[in-house]
Amino acid sequence: MIIFMALKAWYTSADHDQLLFMLKPTNSLVEAFTGSSAVYDTAHGYFYSDLNITIEKACSGFNFWLLSFALFVFVALNHLRSQTSKLFVIPVMLCISYALTLFVNASRIIASIAANNYTQQFSAHPITWLHQAEGTFIYLLFLILFYSALQFFFTQRSIRHEKLA
């Protein structure tokens, strides 16, 4: 919980340059999938002129990373018994949640681009609430999927260890 609060406090004052470890790989995935190129601006993030979107601090996925990290750690700590395993799980879950966050965040941005392209057929103005609802849905969906997968993994692991004992 201390790691979560410390990272959340750091994020509130972080700028785009400090969040490049989240923004740059996300941008690379979006570029690869869309075939578009972005220009990085320190003040605004990655701007796609052809798509008219910006991947900036609020789009970094940092909050999702913290939530998924906390979720993973709490689930793992609930199932692990040895202190060594419990200490080892923190850096492992930090890395796993980071990789999954990059995938989920890029997926969310790509889905948002597709939704924006679709809604432009019906309205000249972007539908802001749709962007927010789509992001919330995707993040929540993946948190539930990750939680379920992790619970399944640890349950199967426990069953195997009980059979061996």
C-alpha atoms as a PDB file:
ATOM      1  CA  MET A   1       0.000   0.000   0.000  1.00  0.00           C
ATOM      2  CA  ILE A   2       2.932   2.315   0.705  1.00  0.00           C
ATOM      3  CA  ILE A   3       4.339   1.740  -2.798  1.00  0.00           C
ATOM      4  CA  PHE A   4       0.900   2.493  -4.288  1.00  0.00           C
ATOM      5  CA  MET A   5       0.519   5.754  -2.348  1.00  0.00           C
ATOM      6  CA  ALA A   6       4.090   6.870  -3.081  1.00  0.00           C
ATOM      7  CA  LEU A   7       3.694   6.273  -6.826  1.00  0.00           C
ATOM      8  CA  LYS A   8       0.298   7.995  -6.853  1.00  0.00           C
ATOM      9  CA  ALA A   9       1.793  11.029  -5.078  1.00  0.00           C
ATOM     10  CA  TRP A  10       4.670  11.109  -7.576  1.00  0.00           C
ATOM     11  CA  TYR A  11       2.248  10.915 -10.524  1.00  0.00           C
ATOM     12  CA  THR A  12       0.354  14.041  -9.471  1.00  0.00           C
ATOM     13  CA  SER A  13       3.441  16.180 -10.048  1.00  0.00           C
ATOM     14  CA  ALA A  14       4.979  14.190 -12.928  1.00  0.00           C
ATOM     15  CA  ASP A  15       5.241  15.790 -16.361  1.00  0.00           C
ATOM     16  CA  HIS A  16       5.203  14.177 -19.804  1.00  0.00           C
ATOM     17  CA  ASP A  17       8.958  13.605 -19.833  1.00  0.00           C
ATOM     18  CA  GLN A  18       8.802  11.760 -16.519  1.00  0.00           C
ATOM     19  CA  LEU A  19       6.010   9.560 -17.884  1.00  0.00           C
ATOM     20  CA  LEU A  20       7.832   8.609 -21.077  1.00  0.00           C
ATOM     21  CA  PHE A  21       8.339   5.099 -19.697  1.00  0.00           C
ATOM     22  CA  MET A  22       4.546   4.736 -20.083  1.00  0.00           C
ATOM     23  CA  LEU A  23       3.836   7.094 -22.977  1.00  0.00           C
ATOM     24  CA  LYS A  24       6.578   6.036 -25.394  1.00  0.00           C
ATOM     25  CA  PRO A  25       5.840   2.280 -25.528  1.00  0.00           C
ATOM     26  CA  THR A  26       2.097   2.984 -25.685  1.00  0.00           C
ATOM     27  CA  ASN A  27       2.712   5.391 -28.541  1.00  0.00           C
ATOM     28  CA  SER A  28       4.843   2.807 -30.358  1.00  0.00           C
ATOM     29  CA  LEU A  29       2.040   0.232 -30.131  1.00  0.00           C
ATOM     30  CA  VAL A  30      -0.547   2.741 -31.364  1.00  0.00           C
ATOM     31  CA  GLU A  31       1.745   3.793 -34.235  1.00  0.00           C
ATOM     32  CA  ALA A  32       2.315   0.164 -35.231  1.00  0.00           C
ATOM     33  CA  PHE A  33      -1.379  -0.653 -35.213  1.00  0.00           C
ATOM     34  CA  THR A  34      -2.704   2.514 -36.879  1.00  0.00           C
ATOM     35  CA  GLY A  35       0.156   3.153 -39.304  1.00  0.00           C
ATOM     36  CA  SER A  36       0.135   6.791 -38.187  1.00  0.00           C
ATOM     37  CA  SER A  37       3.063   8.757 -36.830  1.00  0.00           C
ATOM     38  CA  ALA A  38       3.083  10.999 -33.803  1.00  0.00           C
ATOM     39  CA  VAL A  39       5.274  13.929 -32.883  1.00  0.00           C
ATOM     40  CA  TYR A  40       6.373  14.238 -29.255  1.00  0.00           C
ATOM     41  CA  ASP A  41       5.982  17.594 -27.553  1.00  0.00           C
ATOM     42  CA  THR A  42       7.182  17.974 -23.966  1.00  0.00           C
ATOM     43  CA  ALA A  43       4.203  20.141 -23.034  1.00  0.00           C
ATOM     44  CA  HIS A  44       1.459  18.038 -24.627  1.00  0.00           C
ATOM     45  CA  GLY A  45       2.651  14.468 -25.260  1.00  0.00           C
ATOM     46  CA  TYR A  46       2.390  12.563 -28.549  1.00  0.00           C
ATOM     47  CA  PHE A  47       0.304  14.340 -31.189  1.00  0.00           C
ATOM     48  CA  TYR A  48      -1.127  12.558 -34.226  1.00  0.00           C
ATOM     49  CA  SER A  49      -1.973  15.259 -36.746  1.00  0.00           C
ATOM     50  CA  ASP A  50      -3.745  12.884 -39.147  1.00  0.00           C
ATOM     51  CA  LEU A  51      -5.940  11.461 -36.365  1.00  0.00           C
ATOM     52  CA  ASN A  52      -6.210  14.739 -34.449  1.00  0.00           C
ATOM     53  CA  ILE A  53      -5.500  13.046 -31.115  1.00  0.00           C
ATOM     54  CA  THR A  54      -2.942  13.502 -28.383  1.00  0.00           C
ATOM     55  CA  ILE A  55      -1.613  10.811 -26.075  1.00  0.00           C
ATOM     56  CA  GLU A  56      -0.790  12.796 -22.973  1.00  0.00           C
ATOM     57  CA  LYS A  57      -0.399  12.377 -19.211  1.00  0.00           C
ATOM     58  CA  ALA A  58      -4.041  11.456 -18.583  1.00  0.00           C
ATOM     59  CA  CYS A  59      -3.758   8.821 -21.352  1.00  0.00           C
ATOM     60  CA  SER A  60      -0.587   7.259 -19.976  1.00  0.00           C
ATOM     61  CA  GLY A  61      -2.367   4.402 -18.213  1.00  0.00           C
ATOM     62  CA  PHE A  62      -0.488   5.156 -15.009  1.00  0.00           C
ATOM     63  CA  ASN A  63      -3.561   4.903 -12.761  1.00  0.00           C
ATOM     64  CA  PHE A  64      -4.523   1.586 -14.359  1.00  0.00           C
ATOM     65  CA  TRP A  65      -0.975   0.357 -13.796  1.00  0.00           C
ATOM     66  CA  LEU A  66      -1.193   1.222 -10.105  1.00  0.00           C
ATOM     67  CA  LEU A  67      -4.603  -0.417  -9.733  1.00  0.00           C
ATOM     68  CA  SER A  68      -3.578  -3.588 -11.556  1.00  0.00           C
ATOM     69  CA  PHE A  69      -0.316  -3.756  -9.594  1.00  0.00           C
ATOM     70  CA  ALA A  70      -2.165  -3.407  -6.276  1.00  0.00           C
ATOM     71  CA  LEU A  71      -4.755  -5.974  -7.351  1.00  0.00           C
ATOM     72  CA  PHE A  72      -2.091  -8.468  -8.459  1.00  0.00           C
ATOM     73  CA  VAL A  73      -0.063  -8.048  -5.273  1.00  0.00           C
ATOM     74  CA  PHE A  74      -3.063  -8.431  -2.955  1.00  0.00           C
ATOM     75  CA  VAL A  75      -4.283 -11.542  -4.781  1.00  0.00           C
ATOM     76  CA  ALA A  76      -0.784 -13.060  -4.790  1.00  0.00           C
ATOM     77  CA  LEU A  77      -0.092 -12.231  -1.145  1.00  0.00           C
ATOM     78  CA  ASN A  78      -3.389 -13.850  -0.203  1.00  0.00           C
ATOM     79  CA  HIS A  79      -2.269 -17.145  -1.774  1.00  0.00           C
ATOM     80  CA  LEU A  80       1.455 -17.239  -0.956  1.00  0.00           C
ATOM     81  CA  ARG A  81       2.735 -18.602   2.326  1.00  0.00           C
ATOM     82  CA  SER A  82       6.499 -18.085   2.482  1.00  0.00           C
ATOM     83  CA  GLN A  83       7.988 -14.674   3.227  1.00  0.00           C
ATOM     84  CA  THR A  84      10.524 -15.116   0.421  1.00  0.00           C
ATOM     85  CA  SER A  85       7.742 -15.664  -2.097  1.00  0.00           C
ATOM     86  CA  LYS A  86       5.861 -12.655  -0.762  1.00  0.00           C
ATOM     87  CA  LEU A  87       8.911 -10.410  -1.166  1.00  0.00           C
ATOM     88  CA  PHE A  88       9.637 -11.797  -4.622  1.00  0.00           C
ATOM     89  CA  VAL A  89       6.070 -11.259  -5.827  1.00  0.00           C
ATOM     90  CA  ILE A  90       6.197  -7.450  -5.537  1.00  0.00           C
ATOM     91  CA  PRO A  91       8.790  -6.764  -8.276  1.00  0.00           C
ATOM     92  CA  VAL A  92       7.381  -9.588 -10.416  1.00  0.00           C
ATOM     93  CA  MET A  93       3.851  -8.185 -10.235  1.00  0.00           C
ATOM     94  CA  LEU A  94       5.166  -4.679 -10.888  1.00  0.00           C
ATOM     95  CA  CYS A  95       6.692  -5.892 -14.168  1.00  0.00           C
ATOM     96  CA  ILE A  96       3.718  -8.040 -15.179  1.00  0.00           C
ATOM     97  CA  SER A  97       1.225  -5.270 -14.458  1.00  0.00           C
ATOM     98  CA  TYR A  98       3.401  -2.819 -16.415  1.00  0.00           C
ATOM     99  CA  ALA A  99       3.458  -5.027 -19.520  1.00  0.00           C
ATOM    100  CA  LEU A 100      -0.272  -5.690 -19.308  1.00  0.00           C
ATOM    101  CA  THR A 101      -0.951  -1.982 -18.812  1.00  0.00           C
ATOM    102  CA  LEU A 102       0.895  -1.111 -22.014  1.00  0.00           C
ATOM    103  CA  PHE A 103      -1.213  -3.629 -23.933  1.00  0.00           C
ATOM    104  CA  VAL A 104      -4.523  -2.552 -22.352  1.00  0.00           C
ATOM    105  CA  ASN A 105      -3.783   1.145 -22.703  1.00  0.00           C
ATOM    106  CA  ALA A 106      -2.816   0.851 -26.365  1.00  0.00           C
ATOM    107  CA  SER A 107      -5.956  -1.238 -26.944  1.00  0.00           C
ATOM    108  CA  ARG A 108      -8.060   1.426 -25.242  1.00  0.00           C
ATOM    109  CA  ILE A 109      -6.569   4.198 -27.388  1.00  0.00           C
ATOM    110  CA  ILE A 110      -6.997   2.191 -30.595  1.00  0.00           C
ATOM    111  CA  ALA A 111     -10.622   1.411 -29.674  1.00  0.00           C
ATOM    112  CA  SER A 112     -11.163   5.094 -28.947  1.00  0.00           C
ATOM    113  CA  ILE A 113      -9.799   6.035 -32.377  1.00  0.00           C
ATOM    114  CA  ALA A 114     -12.147   3.515 -34.000  1.00  0.00           C
ATOM    115  CA  ALA A 115     -15.132   4.756 -31.976  1.00  0.00           C
ATOM    116  CA  ASN A 116     -14.288   8.361 -32.831  1.00  0.00           C
ATOM    117  CA  ASN A 117     -14.093   7.513 -36.545  1.00  0.00           C
ATOM    118  CA  TYR A 118     -17.449   5.739 -36.332  1.00  0.00           C
ATOM    119  CA  THR A 119     -19.236   8.537 -34.431  1.00  0.00           C
ATOM    120  CA  GLN A 120     -17.941  11.178 -36.852  1.00  0.00           C
ATOM    121  CA  GLN A 121     -20.371   9.713 -39.380  1.00  0.00           C
ATOM    122  CA  PHE A 122     -23.239  10.888 -37.165  1.00  0.00           C
ATOM    123  CA  SER A 123     -21.896  14.011 -35.496  1.00  0.00           C
ATOM    124  CA  ALA A 124     -19.381  16.676 -36.427  1.00  0.00           C
ATOM    125  CA  HIS A 125     -18.454  17.097 -32.756  1.00  0.00           C
ATOM    126  CA  PRO A 126     -16.605  14.441 -30.758  1.00  0.00           C
ATOM    127  CA  ILE A 127     -18.755  12.677 -28.177  1.00  0.00           C
ATOM    128  CA  THR A 128     -16.678  13.202 -25.024  1.00  0.00           C
ATOM    129  CA  TRP A 129     -18.747  10.982 -22.750  1.00  0.00           C
ATOM    130  CA  LEU A 130     -18.357   8.075 -25.178  1.00  0.00           C
ATOM    131  CA  HIS A 131     -14.558   8.352 -24.979  1.00  0.00           C
ATOM    132  CA  GLN A 132     -14.703   8.278 -21.174  1.00  0.00           C
ATOM    133  CA  ALA A 133     -17.254   5.445 -21.048  1.00  0.00           C
ATOM    134  CA  GLU A 134     -15.250   3.355 -23.512  1.00  0.00           C
ATOM    135  CA  GLY A 135     -12.077   3.856 -21.461  1.00  0.00           C
ATOM    136  CA  THR A 136     -13.826   2.947 -18.225  1.00  0.00           C
ATOM    137  CA  PHE A 137     -15.369  -0.160 -19.798  1.00  0.00           C
ATOM    138  CA  ILE A 138     -12.063  -1.407 -21.234  1.00  0.00           C
ATOM    139  CA  TYR A 139     -10.102  -0.793 -18.033  1.00  0.00           C
ATOM    140  CA  LEU A 140     -12.765  -2.451 -15.877  1.00  0.00           C
ATOM    141  CA  LEU A 141     -13.101  -5.392 -18.264  1.00  0.00           C
ATOM    142  CA  PHE A 142      -9.361  -6.068 -18.212  1.00  0.00           C
ATOM    143  CA  LEU A 143      -9.116  -5.664 -14.428  1.00  0.00           C
ATOM    144  CA  ILE A 144     -11.835  -8.296 -14.047  1.00  0.00           C
ATOM    145  CA  LEU A 145     -10.150 -10.593 -16.596  1.00  0.00           C
ATOM    146  CA  PHE A 146      -6.727 -10.199 -14.951  1.00  0.00           C
ATOM    147  CA  TYR A 147      -8.194 -10.797 -11.501  1.00  0.00           C
ATOM    148  CA  SER A 148     -10.002 -13.931 -12.705  1.00  0.00           C
ATOM    149  CA  ALA A 149      -6.892 -15.256 -14.465  1.00  0.00           C
ATOM    150  CA  LEU A 150      -4.720 -14.666 -11.410  1.00  0.00           C
ATOM    151  CA  GLN A 151      -7.251 -16.316  -9.091  1.00  0.00           C
ATOM    152  CA  PHE A 152      -7.435 -19.285 -11.474  1.00  0.00           C
ATOM    153  CA  PHE A 153      -3.629 -19.546 -11.596  1.00  0.00           C
ATOM    154  CA  PHE A 154      -3.242 -19.545  -7.821  1.00  0.00           C
ATOM    155  CA  THR A 155      -6.174 -21.921  -7.322  1.00  0.00           C
ATOM    156  CA  GLN A 156      -4.699 -24.400  -9.819  1.00  0.00           C
ATOM    157  CA  ARG A 157      -1.300 -24.004  -8.177  1.00  0.00           C
ATOM    158  CA  SER A 158      -2.823 -24.779  -4.753  1.00  0.00           C
ATOM    159  CA  ILE A 159      -4.642 -27.837  -6.106  1.00  0.00           C
ATOM    160  CA  ARG A 160      -1.411 -29.186  -7.628  1.00  0.00           C
ATOM    161  CA  HIS A 161       0.504 -28.652  -4.374  1.00  0.00           C
ATOM    162  CA  GLU A 162      -2.234 -30.372  -2.346  1.00  0.00           C
ATOM    163  CA  LYS A 163      -2.129 -33.401  -4.656  1.00  0.00           C
ATOM    164  CA  LEU A 164       1.647 -33.631  -4.235  1.00  0.00           C
ATOM    165  CA  ALA A 165       1.436 -33.447  -0.449  1.00  0.00           C
END
